[in-house]
């Protein structure tokens, strides 16, 4: 698997060489559409923060995220 910048998600080619054929372009398109639909704030830490804010009015048992913490390991 190739290394990518954190701001750029891996492509299908990065996941497996066989996915680079033109037959898979619509799979990648579909994945990107669904990712944007289900994760409009992306999938990083800031997205989790937004998800937690959106769940702030729900009961504890109805929340998807129960804990999100950030540690400085320097």
N, C-alpha and C. Protein backbone atom coordinates (compact mmCIF):
# COMPACT_ATOMS: atom_id res chain seq x y z
N UNK A 1 0.84 -1.17 0.00
CA UNK A 1 0.00 0.00 0.00
C UNK A 1 0.89 1.24 0.00
N UNK A 2 0.57 2.21 -0.83
CA UNK A 2 1.36 3.42 -0.92
C UNK A 2 1.00 4.37 0.21
N UNK A 3 1.98 5.22 0.59
CA UNK A 3 1.74 6.21 1.64
C UNK A 3 1.06 7.43 1.04
N UNK A 4 0.08 7.98 1.73
CA UNK A 4 -0.65 9.17 1.29
C UNK A 4 -0.60 10.23 2.37
N UNK A 5 -0.74 11.46 1.91
CA UNK A 5 -0.91 12.55 2.86
C UNK A 5 -2.19 12.29 3.64
N UNK A 6 -2.25 12.74 4.88
CA UNK A 6 -3.45 12.51 5.69
C UNK A 6 -4.70 13.14 5.08
N UNK A 7 -4.54 14.23 4.35
CA UNK A 7 -5.70 14.92 3.81
C UNK A 7 -6.22 14.25 2.53
N UNK A 8 -5.49 13.29 1.98
CA UNK A 8 -5.90 12.64 0.74
C UNK A 8 -6.16 11.16 1.00
N UNK A 9 -7.40 10.70 0.85
CA UNK A 9 -7.70 9.29 1.09
C UNK A 9 -7.05 8.42 0.01
N UNK A 10 -6.75 7.15 0.32
CA UNK A 10 -6.15 6.28 -0.68
C UNK A 10 -7.11 6.00 -1.83
N UNK A 11 -6.55 5.78 -3.00
CA UNK A 11 -7.37 5.41 -4.16
C UNK A 11 -7.52 3.89 -4.17
N UNK A 12 -8.36 3.39 -5.05
CA UNK A 12 -8.51 1.94 -5.17
C UNK A 12 -7.20 1.29 -5.60
N UNK A 13 -6.43 1.95 -6.46
CA UNK A 13 -5.14 1.43 -6.88
C UNK A 13 -4.22 1.25 -5.67
N UNK A 14 -4.28 2.17 -4.71
CA UNK A 14 -3.46 2.06 -3.52
C UNK A 14 -3.84 0.84 -2.69
N UNK A 15 -5.10 0.45 -2.75
CA UNK A 15 -5.57 -0.70 -1.97
C UNK A 15 -5.18 -2.02 -2.62
N UNK A 16 -5.28 -2.08 -3.95
CA UNK A 16 -4.89 -3.30 -4.66
C UNK A 16 -4.71 -2.98 -6.14
N UNK A 17 -3.65 -3.48 -6.76
CA UNK A 17 -3.32 -3.16 -8.15
C UNK A 17 -4.42 -3.54 -9.13
N UNK A 18 -5.14 -4.61 -8.85
CA UNK A 18 -6.20 -5.06 -9.78
C UNK A 18 -7.35 -4.07 -9.85
N UNK A 19 -7.45 -3.19 -8.86
CA UNK A 19 -8.55 -2.21 -8.85
C UNK A 19 -8.25 -0.99 -9.72
N UNK A 20 -7.11 -1.00 -10.40
CA UNK A 20 -6.74 0.15 -11.24
C UNK A 20 -7.37 0.09 -12.63
N UNK A 21 -7.96 -1.02 -13.00
CA UNK A 21 -8.54 -1.14 -14.34
C UNK A 21 -9.75 -0.22 -14.48
N UNK A 22 -10.06 0.11 -15.69
CA UNK A 22 -11.16 1.05 -15.95
C UNK A 22 -12.51 0.50 -15.49
N UNK A 23 -12.61 -0.82 -15.31
CA UNK A 23 -13.87 -1.41 -14.85
C UNK A 23 -14.25 -0.94 -13.45
N UNK A 24 -13.27 -0.47 -12.71
CA UNK A 24 -13.52 -0.13 -11.32
C UNK A 24 -13.73 1.36 -11.07
N UNK A 25 -13.69 2.18 -12.13
CA UNK A 25 -13.83 3.62 -11.91
C UNK A 25 -15.16 3.96 -11.27
N UNK A 26 -16.23 3.25 -11.65
CA UNK A 26 -17.53 3.59 -11.05
C UNK A 26 -17.62 3.07 -9.62
N UNK A 27 -16.87 2.06 -9.26
CA UNK A 27 -16.82 1.62 -7.87
C UNK A 27 -16.20 2.71 -7.01
N UNK A 28 -15.11 3.27 -7.49
CA UNK A 28 -14.46 4.36 -6.75
C UNK A 28 -15.40 5.56 -6.64
N UNK A 29 -16.09 5.88 -7.72
CA UNK A 29 -17.05 6.98 -7.70
C UNK A 29 -18.15 6.72 -6.69
N UNK A 30 -18.69 5.51 -6.69
CA UNK A 30 -19.75 5.14 -5.75
C UNK A 30 -19.25 5.23 -4.30
N UNK A 31 -18.05 4.74 -4.05
CA UNK A 31 -17.48 4.81 -2.70
C UNK A 31 -17.36 6.26 -2.26
N UNK A 32 -16.87 7.12 -3.15
CA UNK A 32 -16.72 8.54 -2.79
C UNK A 32 -18.06 9.21 -2.54
N UNK A 33 -19.07 8.87 -3.34
CA UNK A 33 -20.41 9.43 -3.14
C UNK A 33 -20.97 9.00 -1.79
N UNK A 34 -20.85 7.70 -1.49
CA UNK A 34 -21.36 7.19 -0.22
C UNK A 34 -20.58 7.74 0.97
N UNK A 35 -19.26 7.88 0.82
CA UNK A 35 -18.45 8.45 1.89
C UNK A 35 -18.90 9.87 2.19
N UNK A 36 -19.13 10.65 1.14
CA UNK A 36 -19.57 12.04 1.33
C UNK A 36 -20.96 12.09 1.96
N UNK A 37 -21.83 11.16 1.57
CA UNK A 37 -23.19 11.12 2.11
C UNK A 37 -23.20 10.74 3.59
N UNK A 38 -22.43 9.72 3.94
CA UNK A 38 -22.46 9.21 5.31
C UNK A 38 -21.47 9.91 6.24
N UNK A 39 -20.42 10.50 5.67
CA UNK A 39 -19.40 11.18 6.46
C UNK A 39 -19.11 12.55 5.85
N UNK A 40 -20.08 13.48 5.89
CA UNK A 40 -19.90 14.78 5.23
C UNK A 40 -18.76 15.60 5.81
N UNK A 41 -18.35 15.33 7.02
CA UNK A 41 -17.22 16.05 7.64
C UNK A 41 -15.94 15.24 7.52
N UNK A 42 -15.90 14.24 6.64
CA UNK A 42 -14.78 13.33 6.44
C UNK A 42 -14.74 12.31 7.57
N UNK A 43 -13.61 11.69 7.80
CA UNK A 43 -13.55 10.61 8.79
C UNK A 43 -12.42 10.80 9.80
N UNK A 44 -11.82 11.97 9.87
CA UNK A 44 -10.74 12.23 10.82
C UNK A 44 -11.25 12.64 12.19
N UNK A 45 -10.32 13.08 13.03
CA UNK A 45 -10.67 13.45 14.39
C UNK A 45 -11.69 14.58 14.44
N UNK A 46 -11.52 15.59 13.60
CA UNK A 46 -12.48 16.71 13.58
C UNK A 46 -13.87 16.24 13.20
N UNK A 47 -13.96 15.24 12.35
CA UNK A 47 -15.26 14.68 11.99
C UNK A 47 -15.91 14.02 13.20
N UNK A 48 -15.11 13.34 14.01
CA UNK A 48 -15.63 12.72 15.24
C UNK A 48 -16.13 13.79 16.19
N UNK A 49 -15.39 14.88 16.30
CA UNK A 49 -15.82 15.99 17.16
C UNK A 49 -17.18 16.51 16.70
N UNK A 50 -17.37 16.67 15.40
CA UNK A 50 -18.65 17.13 14.86
C UNK A 50 -19.76 16.12 15.13
N UNK A 51 -19.45 14.83 15.01
CA UNK A 51 -20.43 13.79 15.29
C UNK A 51 -20.86 13.83 16.75
N UNK A 52 -19.90 14.00 17.65
CA UNK A 52 -20.21 14.08 19.09
C UNK A 52 -21.10 15.30 19.37
N UNK A 53 -20.78 16.43 18.76
CA UNK A 53 -21.60 17.64 18.94
C UNK A 53 -23.03 17.38 18.47
N UNK A 54 -23.18 16.68 17.36
CA UNK A 54 -24.51 16.38 16.83
C UNK A 54 -25.29 15.41 17.71
N UNK A 55 -24.58 14.58 18.47
CA UNK A 55 -25.23 13.61 19.34
C UNK A 55 -25.44 14.14 20.76
N UNK A 56 -25.10 15.38 20.99
CA UNK A 56 -25.14 15.92 22.36
C UNK A 56 -26.54 15.93 22.98
N UNK A 57 -27.58 15.87 22.17
CA UNK A 57 -28.93 15.89 22.72
C UNK A 57 -29.53 14.48 22.86
N UNK A 58 -28.77 13.45 22.44
CA UNK A 58 -29.27 12.07 22.51
C UNK A 58 -28.99 11.46 23.88
N UNK A 59 -29.75 10.43 24.21
CA UNK A 59 -29.48 9.65 25.41
C UNK A 59 -28.16 8.89 25.21
N UNK A 60 -27.44 8.61 26.29
CA UNK A 60 -26.15 7.93 26.22
C UNK A 60 -26.22 6.65 25.39
N UNK A 61 -27.25 5.84 25.58
CA UNK A 61 -27.33 4.56 24.87
C UNK A 61 -27.62 4.72 23.38
N UNK A 62 -28.05 5.91 22.95
CA UNK A 62 -28.33 6.16 21.55
C UNK A 62 -27.14 6.76 20.79
N UNK A 63 -26.10 7.09 21.51
CA UNK A 63 -24.92 7.71 20.89
C UNK A 63 -24.02 6.67 20.23
N UNK A 64 -23.49 7.01 19.06
CA UNK A 64 -22.55 6.14 18.38
C UNK A 64 -21.16 6.28 18.99
N UNK A 65 -20.75 7.52 19.25
CA UNK A 65 -19.44 7.78 19.83
C UNK A 65 -19.59 7.93 21.34
N UNK A 66 -18.85 7.12 22.08
CA UNK A 66 -18.91 7.20 23.53
C UNK A 66 -17.70 7.92 24.11
N UNK A 67 -16.62 7.99 23.35
CA UNK A 67 -15.43 8.68 23.82
C UNK A 67 -14.57 9.08 22.63
N UNK A 68 -14.05 10.29 22.65
CA UNK A 68 -13.10 10.76 21.65
C UNK A 68 -12.08 11.61 22.38
N UNK A 69 -10.85 11.16 22.37
CA UNK A 69 -9.79 11.85 23.10
C UNK A 69 -8.61 12.09 22.18
N UNK A 70 -7.88 13.15 22.45
CA UNK A 70 -6.69 13.48 21.68
C UNK A 70 -5.52 13.61 22.64
N UNK A 71 -4.41 12.98 22.32
CA UNK A 71 -3.23 13.01 23.16
C UNK A 71 -2.06 13.58 22.39
N UNK A 72 -1.30 14.44 23.02
CA UNK A 72 -0.07 14.96 22.44
C UNK A 72 1.06 14.04 22.87
N UNK A 73 1.66 13.30 21.94
CA UNK A 73 2.67 12.32 22.31
C UNK A 73 4.09 12.80 22.03
N UNK A 74 4.25 14.08 21.87
CA UNK A 74 5.60 14.61 21.64
C UNK A 74 6.41 14.62 22.89
